[in-house]
N, C-alpha and C. Protein backbone atom coordinates (compact mmCIF):
# COMPACT_ATOMS: atom_id res chain seq x y z
N MET A 1 -45.47 40.85 39.37
CA MET A 1 -46.08 41.16 40.68
C MET A 1 -45.43 42.40 41.28
N THR A 2 -46.23 43.24 41.86
CA THR A 2 -45.72 44.47 42.46
C THR A 2 -45.11 44.21 43.82
N ALA A 3 -43.91 44.70 44.04
CA ALA A 3 -43.24 44.49 45.31
C ALA A 3 -43.90 45.30 46.42
N PRO A 4 -43.77 44.89 47.70
CA PRO A 4 -44.45 45.59 48.79
C PRO A 4 -43.90 46.97 49.07
N TRP A 5 -42.79 47.30 48.44
CA TRP A 5 -42.20 48.62 48.73
C TRP A 5 -42.68 49.67 47.73
N MET A 6 -43.54 49.28 46.82
CA MET A 6 -44.06 50.17 45.81
C MET A 6 -45.23 50.98 46.38
N PRO A 7 -45.70 52.07 45.76
CA PRO A 7 -45.27 52.54 44.44
C PRO A 7 -43.97 53.31 44.50
N ARG A 8 -43.24 53.28 43.38
CA ARG A 8 -41.96 53.96 43.31
C ARG A 8 -41.92 54.98 42.18
N THR A 9 -43.07 55.38 41.68
CA THR A 9 -43.11 56.38 40.61
C THR A 9 -42.42 57.66 41.06
N ALA A 10 -41.50 58.14 40.25
CA ALA A 10 -40.76 59.35 40.62
C ALA A 10 -41.69 60.55 40.68
N ILE A 11 -41.50 61.37 41.69
CA ILE A 11 -42.27 62.60 41.86
C ILE A 11 -41.41 63.77 41.40
N PRO A 12 -41.88 64.54 40.42
CA PRO A 12 -41.04 65.63 39.88
C PRO A 12 -40.91 66.79 40.86
N PRO A 13 -39.93 67.65 40.64
CA PRO A 13 -39.75 68.81 41.51
C PRO A 13 -40.96 69.75 41.48
N ALA A 14 -41.18 70.44 42.58
CA ALA A 14 -42.23 71.46 42.62
C ALA A 14 -41.70 72.72 41.93
N ASP A 15 -42.58 73.45 41.27
CA ASP A 15 -42.12 74.62 40.53
C ASP A 15 -42.45 75.94 41.22
N ASP A 16 -42.98 75.88 42.45
CA ASP A 16 -43.34 77.12 43.13
C ASP A 16 -42.49 77.38 44.37
N ALA A 17 -41.45 76.58 44.57
CA ALA A 17 -40.59 76.79 45.74
C ALA A 17 -39.69 78.00 45.53
N VAL A 18 -39.39 78.69 46.62
CA VAL A 18 -38.47 79.83 46.56
C VAL A 18 -37.36 79.63 47.58
N SER A 19 -36.20 80.17 47.27
CA SER A 19 -35.04 80.04 48.15
C SER A 19 -34.12 81.22 47.88
N PRO A 20 -33.13 81.44 48.75
CA PRO A 20 -32.17 82.52 48.47
C PRO A 20 -31.49 82.36 47.11
N ALA A 21 -31.33 81.11 46.66
CA ALA A 21 -30.68 80.89 45.37
C ALA A 21 -31.54 81.34 44.20
N THR A 22 -32.87 81.33 44.38
CA THR A 22 -33.75 81.68 43.27
C THR A 22 -34.20 83.14 43.29
N VAL A 23 -34.32 83.72 44.48
CA VAL A 23 -34.83 85.11 44.54
C VAL A 23 -33.85 86.07 45.20
N GLY A 24 -32.75 85.55 45.73
CA GLY A 24 -31.80 86.38 46.46
C GLY A 24 -32.09 86.38 47.95
N ALA A 25 -31.05 86.52 48.74
CA ALA A 25 -31.19 86.42 50.19
C ALA A 25 -32.08 87.51 50.76
N VAL A 26 -31.94 88.73 50.29
CA VAL A 26 -32.73 89.85 50.83
C VAL A 26 -34.21 89.65 50.52
N ALA A 27 -34.52 89.29 49.27
CA ALA A 27 -35.91 89.08 48.88
C ALA A 27 -36.50 87.88 49.62
N PHE A 28 -35.71 86.84 49.82
CA PHE A 28 -36.19 85.65 50.53
C PHE A 28 -36.58 86.01 51.96
N ASP A 29 -35.70 86.73 52.64
CA ASP A 29 -36.00 87.15 54.01
C ASP A 29 -37.24 88.04 54.06
N ALA A 30 -37.39 88.90 53.06
CA ALA A 30 -38.55 89.80 53.02
C ALA A 30 -39.85 89.02 52.81
N LEU A 31 -39.83 88.02 51.95
CA LEU A 31 -41.01 87.20 51.72
C LEU A 31 -41.47 86.51 53.01
N LEU A 32 -40.50 85.99 53.78
CA LEU A 32 -40.84 85.34 55.04
C LEU A 32 -41.32 86.37 56.06
N ARG A 33 -40.61 87.48 56.15
CA ARG A 33 -40.94 88.51 57.14
C ARG A 33 -42.33 89.11 56.91
N ASP A 34 -42.67 89.32 55.65
CA ASP A 34 -43.93 89.98 55.32
C ASP A 34 -45.09 89.00 55.18
N GLY A 35 -44.82 87.72 55.41
CA GLY A 35 -45.90 86.74 55.37
C GLY A 35 -46.32 86.29 53.99
N HIS A 36 -45.50 86.57 52.98
CA HIS A 36 -45.84 86.16 51.62
C HIS A 36 -45.40 84.72 51.33
N ALA A 37 -44.59 84.16 52.21
CA ALA A 37 -44.13 82.78 52.04
C ALA A 37 -43.92 82.18 53.42
N HIS A 38 -43.97 80.84 53.49
CA HIS A 38 -43.66 80.18 54.76
C HIS A 38 -42.59 79.13 54.52
N ARG A 39 -41.73 78.99 55.51
CA ARG A 39 -40.57 78.12 55.40
C ARG A 39 -40.99 76.65 55.46
N VAL A 40 -40.42 75.84 54.56
CA VAL A 40 -40.62 74.40 54.59
C VAL A 40 -39.60 73.77 55.54
N TRP A 41 -38.34 74.00 55.27
CA TRP A 41 -37.21 73.55 56.09
C TRP A 41 -35.97 74.21 55.54
N GLY A 42 -35.10 74.66 56.41
CA GLY A 42 -33.86 75.27 55.93
C GLY A 42 -34.12 76.49 55.08
N ASP A 43 -33.50 76.55 53.92
CA ASP A 43 -33.60 77.71 53.04
C ASP A 43 -34.58 77.49 51.90
N LEU A 44 -35.70 76.84 52.16
CA LEU A 44 -36.70 76.66 51.13
C LEU A 44 -38.06 77.03 51.69
N ALA A 45 -38.83 77.77 50.89
CA ALA A 45 -40.15 78.23 51.32
C ALA A 45 -41.13 78.09 50.16
N VAL A 46 -42.41 78.15 50.48
CA VAL A 46 -43.46 78.15 49.46
C VAL A 46 -44.37 79.34 49.72
N PRO A 47 -45.06 79.82 48.68
CA PRO A 47 -45.97 80.96 48.87
C PRO A 47 -47.03 80.67 49.92
N THR A 48 -47.36 81.66 50.70
CA THR A 48 -48.39 81.50 51.72
C THR A 48 -49.71 81.07 51.07
N GLY A 49 -50.33 80.05 51.65
CA GLY A 49 -51.57 79.53 51.10
C GLY A 49 -51.38 78.34 50.19
N ALA A 50 -50.17 78.15 49.68
CA ALA A 50 -49.90 77.00 48.81
C ALA A 50 -49.64 75.77 49.66
N PRO A 51 -50.13 74.61 49.27
CA PRO A 51 -49.88 73.39 50.04
C PRO A 51 -48.41 73.00 49.96
N THR A 52 -47.90 72.44 51.05
CA THR A 52 -46.55 71.91 51.06
C THR A 52 -46.61 70.43 50.72
N THR A 53 -45.86 70.01 49.73
CA THR A 53 -45.93 68.66 49.20
C THR A 53 -44.66 67.87 49.50
N PRO A 54 -44.68 66.54 49.27
CA PRO A 54 -43.44 65.77 49.38
C PRO A 54 -42.32 66.32 48.51
N ALA A 55 -42.66 66.84 47.34
CA ALA A 55 -41.63 67.41 46.47
C ALA A 55 -40.97 68.62 47.10
N HIS A 56 -41.75 69.47 47.77
CA HIS A 56 -41.16 70.61 48.49
C HIS A 56 -40.24 70.13 49.60
N ARG A 57 -40.72 69.17 50.37
CA ARG A 57 -39.93 68.73 51.53
C ARG A 57 -38.64 68.04 51.09
N ALA A 58 -38.71 67.23 50.05
CA ALA A 58 -37.50 66.60 49.54
C ALA A 58 -36.52 67.64 49.00
N THR A 59 -37.04 68.61 48.28
CA THR A 59 -36.19 69.67 47.73
C THR A 59 -35.47 70.42 48.84
N ALA A 60 -36.15 70.64 49.96
CA ALA A 60 -35.55 71.37 51.08
C ALA A 60 -34.33 70.63 51.63
N LEU A 61 -34.30 69.31 51.47
CA LEU A 61 -33.21 68.49 52.02
C LEU A 61 -32.12 68.18 51.01
N ARG A 62 -32.34 68.52 49.77
CA ARG A 62 -31.51 68.01 48.67
C ARG A 62 -30.02 68.23 48.89
N ALA A 63 -29.63 69.39 49.36
CA ALA A 63 -28.21 69.70 49.48
C ALA A 63 -27.49 68.81 50.49
N LEU A 64 -28.25 68.15 51.37
CA LEU A 64 -27.65 67.32 52.40
C LEU A 64 -27.73 65.82 52.10
N VAL A 65 -28.17 65.47 50.90
CA VAL A 65 -28.35 64.06 50.55
C VAL A 65 -27.43 63.70 49.39
N PRO A 66 -26.29 63.08 49.66
CA PRO A 66 -25.40 62.65 48.58
C PRO A 66 -26.10 61.63 47.68
N VAL A 67 -25.62 61.50 46.45
CA VAL A 67 -26.21 60.56 45.50
C VAL A 67 -26.21 59.14 46.04
N ARG A 68 -25.20 58.77 46.80
CA ARG A 68 -25.08 57.41 47.31
C ARG A 68 -25.97 57.15 48.52
N ALA A 69 -26.66 58.16 49.00
CA ALA A 69 -27.46 58.03 50.21
C ALA A 69 -28.94 58.21 49.88
N ALA A 70 -29.78 57.91 50.89
CA ALA A 70 -31.22 58.12 50.76
C ALA A 70 -31.75 58.68 52.07
N VAL A 71 -32.75 59.54 51.99
CA VAL A 71 -33.42 60.02 53.19
C VAL A 71 -34.18 58.85 53.79
N GLY A 72 -34.08 58.67 55.12
CA GLY A 72 -34.73 57.52 55.74
C GLY A 72 -35.32 57.81 57.10
N ARG A 73 -35.92 56.77 57.66
CA ARG A 73 -36.49 56.78 59.00
C ARG A 73 -37.49 57.91 59.19
N GLU A 74 -37.42 58.61 60.32
CA GLU A 74 -38.43 59.62 60.62
C GLU A 74 -38.36 60.81 59.65
N THR A 75 -37.18 61.07 59.09
CA THR A 75 -37.08 62.15 58.12
C THR A 75 -37.81 61.78 56.83
N ALA A 76 -37.70 60.52 56.42
CA ALA A 76 -38.45 60.07 55.24
C ALA A 76 -39.95 60.15 55.51
N ALA A 77 -40.36 59.82 56.73
CA ALA A 77 -41.78 59.93 57.07
C ALA A 77 -42.25 61.38 56.95
N TRP A 78 -41.40 62.32 57.36
CA TRP A 78 -41.75 63.74 57.21
C TRP A 78 -41.87 64.12 55.74
N VAL A 79 -40.95 63.64 54.91
CA VAL A 79 -41.03 63.94 53.48
C VAL A 79 -42.35 63.42 52.91
N HIS A 80 -42.72 62.20 53.25
CA HIS A 80 -43.93 61.60 52.69
C HIS A 80 -45.21 62.23 53.23
N THR A 81 -45.22 62.60 54.53
CA THR A 81 -46.48 62.98 55.17
C THR A 81 -46.53 64.41 55.71
N GLY A 82 -45.38 65.01 55.94
CA GLY A 82 -45.35 66.33 56.58
C GLY A 82 -45.44 66.25 58.09
N THR A 83 -45.46 65.04 58.66
CA THR A 83 -45.56 64.85 60.10
C THR A 83 -44.18 64.81 60.74
N GLY A 84 -43.96 65.61 61.79
CA GLY A 84 -42.71 65.54 62.55
C GLY A 84 -41.55 66.27 61.89
N LEU A 85 -41.60 67.58 61.86
CA LEU A 85 -40.52 68.38 61.27
C LEU A 85 -39.18 68.03 61.93
N PRO A 86 -38.19 67.59 61.15
CA PRO A 86 -36.92 67.16 61.76
C PRO A 86 -36.00 68.33 62.12
N ALA A 87 -35.36 68.23 63.27
CA ALA A 87 -34.32 69.19 63.61
C ALA A 87 -33.03 68.84 62.87
N ARG A 88 -32.75 67.53 62.80
CA ARG A 88 -31.63 67.02 62.02
C ARG A 88 -32.16 65.92 61.11
N MET A 89 -31.72 65.90 59.87
CA MET A 89 -32.23 64.90 58.93
C MET A 89 -31.44 63.61 59.04
N GLN A 90 -32.10 62.50 58.71
CA GLN A 90 -31.49 61.18 58.76
C GLN A 90 -31.31 60.66 57.34
N VAL A 91 -30.10 60.25 57.02
CA VAL A 91 -29.84 59.63 55.73
C VAL A 91 -29.28 58.23 55.95
N LEU A 92 -29.54 57.36 54.98
CA LEU A 92 -29.09 55.97 55.02
C LEU A 92 -28.08 55.74 53.90
N VAL A 93 -27.03 54.99 54.20
CA VAL A 93 -26.06 54.56 53.19
C VAL A 93 -25.87 53.06 53.31
N GLY A 94 -25.58 52.43 52.20
CA GLY A 94 -25.38 50.99 52.19
C GLY A 94 -24.08 50.58 52.86
N PRO A 95 -23.98 49.31 53.24
CA PRO A 95 -22.74 48.81 53.85
C PRO A 95 -21.54 49.02 52.94
N ARG A 96 -20.45 49.37 53.55
CA ARG A 96 -19.18 49.57 52.85
C ARG A 96 -19.22 50.73 51.86
N ARG A 97 -20.26 51.55 51.96
CA ARG A 97 -20.28 52.79 51.17
C ARG A 97 -19.73 53.92 52.03
N ARG A 98 -19.02 54.83 51.40
CA ARG A 98 -18.44 55.94 52.16
C ARG A 98 -19.54 56.81 52.74
N ARG A 99 -19.44 57.06 54.04
CA ARG A 99 -20.43 57.90 54.70
C ARG A 99 -20.22 59.37 54.33
N PRO A 100 -21.30 60.14 54.30
CA PRO A 100 -21.13 61.58 54.08
C PRO A 100 -20.30 62.19 55.20
N ASP A 101 -19.64 63.28 54.89
CA ASP A 101 -18.89 63.99 55.92
C ASP A 101 -19.82 64.45 57.03
N PRO A 102 -19.32 64.56 58.27
CA PRO A 102 -20.17 65.03 59.37
C PRO A 102 -20.78 66.39 59.07
N HIS A 103 -22.03 66.57 59.49
CA HIS A 103 -22.73 67.84 59.29
C HIS A 103 -23.68 68.04 60.46
N PRO A 104 -23.76 69.23 61.01
CA PRO A 104 -24.61 69.45 62.19
C PRO A 104 -26.10 69.22 61.95
N LEU A 105 -26.52 69.21 60.69
CA LEU A 105 -27.94 69.02 60.39
C LEU A 105 -28.24 67.64 59.84
N ARG A 106 -27.27 66.71 59.93
CA ARG A 106 -27.45 65.41 59.31
C ARG A 106 -26.94 64.29 60.22
N ILE A 107 -27.72 63.20 60.31
CA ILE A 107 -27.32 61.98 60.99
C ILE A 107 -27.28 60.88 59.94
N THR A 108 -26.21 60.10 59.92
CA THR A 108 -26.07 59.04 58.92
C THR A 108 -26.13 57.67 59.59
N HIS A 109 -26.91 56.76 58.99
CA HIS A 109 -27.01 55.38 59.46
C HIS A 109 -26.60 54.45 58.32
N GLU A 110 -25.89 53.39 58.66
CA GLU A 110 -25.51 52.39 57.67
C GLU A 110 -26.51 51.24 57.70
N CYS A 111 -27.01 50.85 56.55
CA CYS A 111 -27.97 49.75 56.48
C CYS A 111 -28.02 49.18 55.08
N VAL A 112 -28.57 47.98 54.96
CA VAL A 112 -28.83 47.40 53.66
C VAL A 112 -29.97 48.18 53.03
N LEU A 113 -29.78 48.62 51.79
CA LEU A 113 -30.74 49.53 51.18
C LEU A 113 -30.98 49.14 49.71
N PRO A 114 -31.79 48.10 49.49
CA PRO A 114 -32.07 47.68 48.11
C PRO A 114 -32.75 48.79 47.30
N ALA A 115 -32.47 48.81 46.02
CA ALA A 115 -33.01 49.86 45.15
C ALA A 115 -34.53 49.88 45.16
N GLU A 116 -35.16 48.70 45.26
CA GLU A 116 -36.62 48.66 45.22
C GLU A 116 -37.28 49.22 46.48
N GLN A 117 -36.47 49.53 47.49
CA GLN A 117 -37.01 50.10 48.72
C GLN A 117 -36.79 51.61 48.80
N THR A 118 -36.38 52.20 47.68
CA THR A 118 -36.26 53.66 47.61
C THR A 118 -37.01 54.16 46.38
N MET A 119 -37.33 55.43 46.40
CA MET A 119 -37.95 56.08 45.26
C MET A 119 -37.36 57.46 45.11
N GLU A 120 -37.63 58.11 44.01
CA GLU A 120 -37.10 59.45 43.78
C GLU A 120 -38.21 60.48 43.92
N ILE A 121 -37.95 61.46 44.78
CA ILE A 121 -38.89 62.57 44.97
C ILE A 121 -38.11 63.86 44.71
N ALA A 122 -38.50 64.56 43.67
CA ALA A 122 -37.83 65.82 43.30
C ALA A 122 -36.33 65.65 43.19
N GLY A 123 -35.90 64.52 42.63
CA GLY A 123 -34.49 64.27 42.43
C GLY A 123 -33.74 63.79 43.65
N VAL A 124 -34.46 63.48 44.74
CA VAL A 124 -33.84 63.03 45.98
C VAL A 124 -34.29 61.60 46.27
N ARG A 125 -33.35 60.72 46.60
CA ARG A 125 -33.71 59.35 46.98
C ARG A 125 -34.30 59.34 48.38
N VAL A 126 -35.44 58.69 48.51
CA VAL A 126 -36.15 58.58 49.79
C VAL A 126 -36.65 57.15 49.92
N THR A 127 -36.61 56.57 51.10
CA THR A 127 -37.17 55.24 51.26
C THR A 127 -38.67 55.26 50.98
N THR A 128 -39.17 54.17 50.40
CA THR A 128 -40.59 54.08 50.08
C THR A 128 -41.42 54.14 51.36
N VAL A 129 -42.71 54.38 51.19
CA VAL A 129 -43.60 54.47 52.35
C VAL A 129 -43.53 53.20 53.19
N GLN A 130 -43.53 52.03 52.55
CA GLN A 130 -43.53 50.78 53.32
C GLN A 130 -42.21 50.59 54.06
N ARG A 131 -41.10 50.79 53.38
CA ARG A 131 -39.80 50.66 54.04
C ARG A 131 -39.67 51.69 55.17
N THR A 132 -40.15 52.90 54.92
CA THR A 132 -40.08 53.95 55.94
C THR A 132 -40.84 53.53 57.18
N GLY A 133 -42.04 52.96 57.01
CA GLY A 133 -42.83 52.55 58.16
C GLY A 133 -42.16 51.47 58.98
N VAL A 134 -41.54 50.50 58.33
CA VAL A 134 -40.83 49.45 59.05
C VAL A 134 -39.66 50.05 59.83
N ASP A 135 -38.93 50.95 59.21
CA ASP A 135 -37.79 51.57 59.89
C ASP A 135 -38.25 52.43 61.07
N VAL A 136 -39.33 53.19 60.88
CA VAL A 136 -39.84 54.02 61.98
C VAL A 136 -40.29 53.13 63.14
N ALA A 137 -40.94 52.02 62.84
CA ALA A 137 -41.37 51.11 63.90
C ALA A 137 -40.19 50.57 64.69
N ARG A 138 -39.06 50.37 64.02
CA ARG A 138 -37.88 49.82 64.70
C ARG A 138 -37.07 50.88 65.42
N TRP A 139 -36.93 52.05 64.82
CA TRP A 139 -35.95 53.02 65.30
C TRP A 139 -36.55 54.35 65.74
N GLY A 140 -37.86 54.50 65.62
CA GLY A 140 -38.48 55.79 65.90
C GLY A 140 -38.53 56.15 67.37
N SER A 141 -38.78 57.42 67.65
CA SER A 141 -38.92 57.90 69.01
C SER A 141 -40.14 57.27 69.67
N PRO A 142 -40.03 56.75 70.89
CA PRO A 142 -41.17 56.12 71.55
C PRO A 142 -42.37 57.04 71.70
N THR A 143 -42.12 58.35 71.78
CA THR A 143 -43.22 59.29 72.01
C THR A 143 -43.96 59.66 70.73
N SER A 144 -43.39 59.38 69.57
CA SER A 144 -44.03 59.81 68.33
C SER A 144 -44.23 58.72 67.30
N THR A 145 -43.72 57.52 67.55
CA THR A 145 -43.75 56.46 66.54
C THR A 145 -45.16 56.13 66.08
N LEU A 146 -46.08 55.93 67.01
CA LEU A 146 -47.43 55.52 66.61
C LEU A 146 -48.11 56.59 65.76
N ALA A 147 -47.96 57.85 66.14
CA ALA A 147 -48.56 58.92 65.35
C ALA A 147 -47.95 58.98 63.96
N THR A 148 -46.64 58.79 63.87
CA THR A 148 -45.98 58.80 62.57
C THR A 148 -46.45 57.65 61.70
N LEU A 149 -46.58 56.46 62.29
CA LEU A 149 -47.04 55.31 61.54
C LEU A 149 -48.48 55.49 61.06
N ARG A 150 -49.30 56.12 61.87
CA ARG A 150 -50.69 56.37 61.44
C ARG A 150 -50.71 57.32 60.24
N ALA A 151 -49.83 58.31 60.26
CA ALA A 151 -49.76 59.23 59.11
C ALA A 151 -49.29 58.49 57.86
N LEU A 152 -48.33 57.59 58.02
CA LEU A 152 -47.86 56.79 56.88
C LEU A 152 -48.96 55.83 56.41
N GLN A 153 -49.72 55.27 57.36
CA GLN A 153 -50.79 54.36 57.00
C GLN A 153 -51.83 55.05 56.12
N ALA A 154 -52.04 56.33 56.38
CA ALA A 154 -53.04 57.08 55.62
C ALA A 154 -52.65 57.23 54.15
N ILE A 155 -51.35 57.03 53.83
CA ILE A 155 -50.91 57.15 52.44
C ILE A 155 -50.42 55.82 51.88
N GLY A 156 -50.75 54.70 52.56
CA GLY A 156 -50.45 53.40 51.96
C GLY A 156 -49.64 52.43 52.78
N PHE A 157 -49.08 52.83 53.92
CA PHE A 157 -48.31 51.90 54.73
C PHE A 157 -49.23 50.79 55.24
N ASP A 158 -48.77 49.54 55.14
CA ASP A 158 -49.55 48.37 55.53
C ASP A 158 -48.92 47.72 56.76
N PRO A 159 -49.50 47.87 57.95
CA PRO A 159 -48.90 47.29 59.16
C PRO A 159 -48.88 45.77 59.15
N ASP A 160 -49.88 45.13 58.54
CA ASP A 160 -49.88 43.66 58.48
C ASP A 160 -48.72 43.17 57.63
N MET A 161 -48.49 43.82 56.51
CA MET A 161 -47.35 43.44 55.67
C MET A 161 -46.03 43.69 56.40
N ALA A 162 -45.98 44.77 57.17
CA ALA A 162 -44.77 45.05 57.94
C ALA A 162 -44.53 43.97 58.98
N LEU A 163 -45.59 43.47 59.60
CA LEU A 163 -45.45 42.37 60.56
C LEU A 163 -44.93 41.12 59.86
N ASP A 164 -45.37 40.87 58.63
CA ASP A 164 -44.84 39.75 57.87
C ASP A 164 -43.34 39.92 57.65
N THR A 165 -42.93 41.13 57.34
CA THR A 165 -41.51 41.42 57.13
C THR A 165 -40.72 41.14 58.40
N LEU A 166 -41.24 41.58 59.54
CA LEU A 166 -40.52 41.41 60.81
C LEU A 166 -40.41 39.96 61.23
N SER A 167 -41.30 39.11 60.73
CA SER A 167 -41.27 37.70 61.14
C SER A 167 -39.98 37.01 60.72
N ALA A 168 -39.32 37.55 59.70
CA ALA A 168 -38.05 36.99 59.25
C ALA A 168 -36.85 37.70 59.85
N MET A 169 -37.08 38.58 60.80
CA MET A 169 -36.00 39.40 61.37
C MET A 169 -35.87 39.22 62.88
N SER A 170 -36.42 38.16 63.42
CA SER A 170 -36.37 37.95 64.86
C SER A 170 -34.93 38.00 65.37
N GLY A 171 -34.74 38.68 66.50
CA GLY A 171 -33.43 38.78 67.11
C GLY A 171 -32.65 40.00 66.69
N HIS A 172 -33.11 40.70 65.66
CA HIS A 172 -32.41 41.91 65.24
C HIS A 172 -32.87 43.10 66.08
N PRO A 173 -32.04 44.12 66.21
CA PRO A 173 -32.39 45.27 67.06
C PRO A 173 -33.70 45.92 66.66
N GLY A 174 -34.48 46.25 67.67
CA GLY A 174 -35.71 47.00 67.46
C GLY A 174 -36.89 46.19 66.98
N VAL A 175 -36.71 44.91 66.69
CA VAL A 175 -37.79 44.13 66.10
C VAL A 175 -38.89 43.85 67.11
N ARG A 176 -38.53 43.51 68.34
CA ARG A 176 -39.55 43.20 69.34
C ARG A 176 -40.45 44.41 69.58
N GLU A 177 -39.84 45.58 69.76
CA GLU A 177 -40.62 46.78 69.99
C GLU A 177 -41.47 47.13 68.77
N ALA A 178 -40.89 46.94 67.59
CA ALA A 178 -41.63 47.23 66.36
C ALA A 178 -42.84 46.32 66.22
N ARG A 179 -42.65 45.05 66.54
CA ARG A 179 -43.77 44.11 66.43
C ARG A 179 -44.91 44.51 67.35
N SER A 180 -44.58 44.95 68.56
CA SER A 180 -45.61 45.37 69.50
C SER A 180 -46.36 46.60 68.98
N THR A 181 -45.61 47.57 68.47
CA THR A 181 -46.23 48.79 67.96
C THR A 181 -47.09 48.51 66.74
N LEU A 182 -46.59 47.70 65.83
CA LEU A 182 -47.33 47.41 64.61
C LEU A 182 -48.57 46.56 64.90
N SER A 183 -48.47 45.68 65.88
CA SER A 183 -49.65 44.88 66.25
C SER A 183 -50.75 45.78 66.78
N LEU A 184 -50.36 46.79 67.57
CA LEU A 184 -51.34 47.75 68.07
C LEU A 184 -51.96 48.53 66.92
N LEU A 185 -51.13 48.96 65.97
CA LEU A 185 -51.63 49.71 64.83
C LEU A 185 -52.56 48.85 63.98
N ALA A 186 -52.17 47.60 63.74
CA ALA A 186 -52.98 46.71 62.91
C ALA A 186 -54.31 46.40 63.58
N SER A 187 -54.31 46.31 64.91
CA SER A 187 -55.55 45.98 65.61
C SER A 187 -56.58 47.09 65.51
N HIS A 188 -56.13 48.30 65.19
CA HIS A 188 -57.04 49.43 65.05
C HIS A 188 -57.33 49.77 63.59
N THR A 189 -56.86 48.90 62.67
CA THR A 189 -57.13 49.08 61.26
C THR A 189 -58.49 48.49 60.94
N PRO A 190 -59.39 49.24 60.30
CA PRO A 190 -60.73 48.71 60.00
C PRO A 190 -60.66 47.40 59.23
N ARG A 191 -61.50 46.45 59.63
CA ARG A 191 -61.55 45.16 58.94
C ARG A 191 -61.92 45.38 57.48
N GLY A 192 -61.19 44.68 56.62
CA GLY A 192 -61.47 44.78 55.20
C GLY A 192 -60.67 45.86 54.49
N GLN A 193 -59.88 46.62 55.24
CA GLN A 193 -59.04 47.62 54.58
C GLN A 193 -58.06 46.93 53.65
N ALA A 194 -57.96 47.42 52.44
CA ALA A 194 -57.14 46.75 51.42
C ALA A 194 -55.68 46.78 51.79
N ARG A 195 -55.01 45.61 51.62
CA ARG A 195 -53.57 45.54 51.77
C ARG A 195 -52.90 45.90 50.47
N MET A 196 -51.68 46.33 50.53
CA MET A 196 -50.93 46.63 49.33
C MET A 196 -50.67 45.33 48.58
N THR A 197 -50.61 45.42 47.27
CA THR A 197 -50.39 44.24 46.44
C THR A 197 -48.93 43.85 46.47
N GLY A 198 -48.66 42.51 46.51
CA GLY A 198 -47.28 42.07 46.36
C GLY A 198 -46.86 41.05 47.38
N SER A 199 -45.60 40.66 47.30
CA SER A 199 -45.06 39.65 48.18
C SER A 199 -44.71 40.26 49.52
N SER A 200 -44.30 39.43 50.46
CA SER A 200 -43.90 39.93 51.77
C SER A 200 -42.43 39.64 52.02
N ALA A 201 -41.63 39.80 50.98
CA ALA A 201 -40.19 39.58 51.12
C ALA A 201 -39.63 40.46 52.21
N ALA A 202 -38.75 39.87 53.01
CA ALA A 202 -38.27 40.59 54.21
C ALA A 202 -37.22 41.63 53.87
N LEU A 203 -37.21 42.65 54.69
CA LEU A 203 -36.13 43.63 54.66
C LEU A 203 -34.87 43.00 55.20
N ALA A 204 -33.74 43.39 54.66
CA ALA A 204 -32.48 42.98 55.27
C ALA A 204 -32.29 43.73 56.57
N PRO A 205 -31.60 43.12 57.54
CA PRO A 205 -31.43 43.80 58.83
C PRO A 205 -30.71 45.12 58.72
N VAL A 206 -31.14 46.05 59.56
CA VAL A 206 -30.54 47.37 59.60
C VAL A 206 -29.43 47.39 60.63
N MET A 207 -28.30 47.99 60.30
CA MET A 207 -27.17 48.05 61.20
C MET A 207 -26.92 49.48 61.59
N ARG A 208 -26.74 49.75 62.86
CA ARG A 208 -26.43 51.11 63.28
C ARG A 208 -24.95 51.37 63.08
């Protein structure tokens, strides 16, 4: 049976990304200045007119994601959907794992992070669409959460399944607000829309 955090098929790196490391700092700046490329995030860009993909967005963050960590929450939603360009990226590490060193462009959260709730995108660990949606519902910005969840829903996030997950997490931080937001999202989901295949095993509680 397929778990609710799937699909987890690895997404390979994009081959059209450019950065100072690949073309040199002067050429990189010239490509941006002359309109031949547009910036994805940080020091990564793609040719003008080319679509920006999850592989591009994950690659842009790679240098800030240690092997023991995963991109999560609203930053993972941006990787999956392109919605909500992050000023600072959010990474998740498991309990009792050493946190990454402080960095002005990175925020680290400690949480339970089972392997089946992450996937690999361009060599970077990112929470799956379903796990990302549950986390965004719990911890996202009140002004952008619903829009972010709708973008995730368009690529497979299941709000009904997320509500099933939250039913086993009563009393944990952010659950009440998440339940309200997800109920609103589910109520606007067309009747008969297919749910993702699999069980509704609960997420372990997230700890700040």
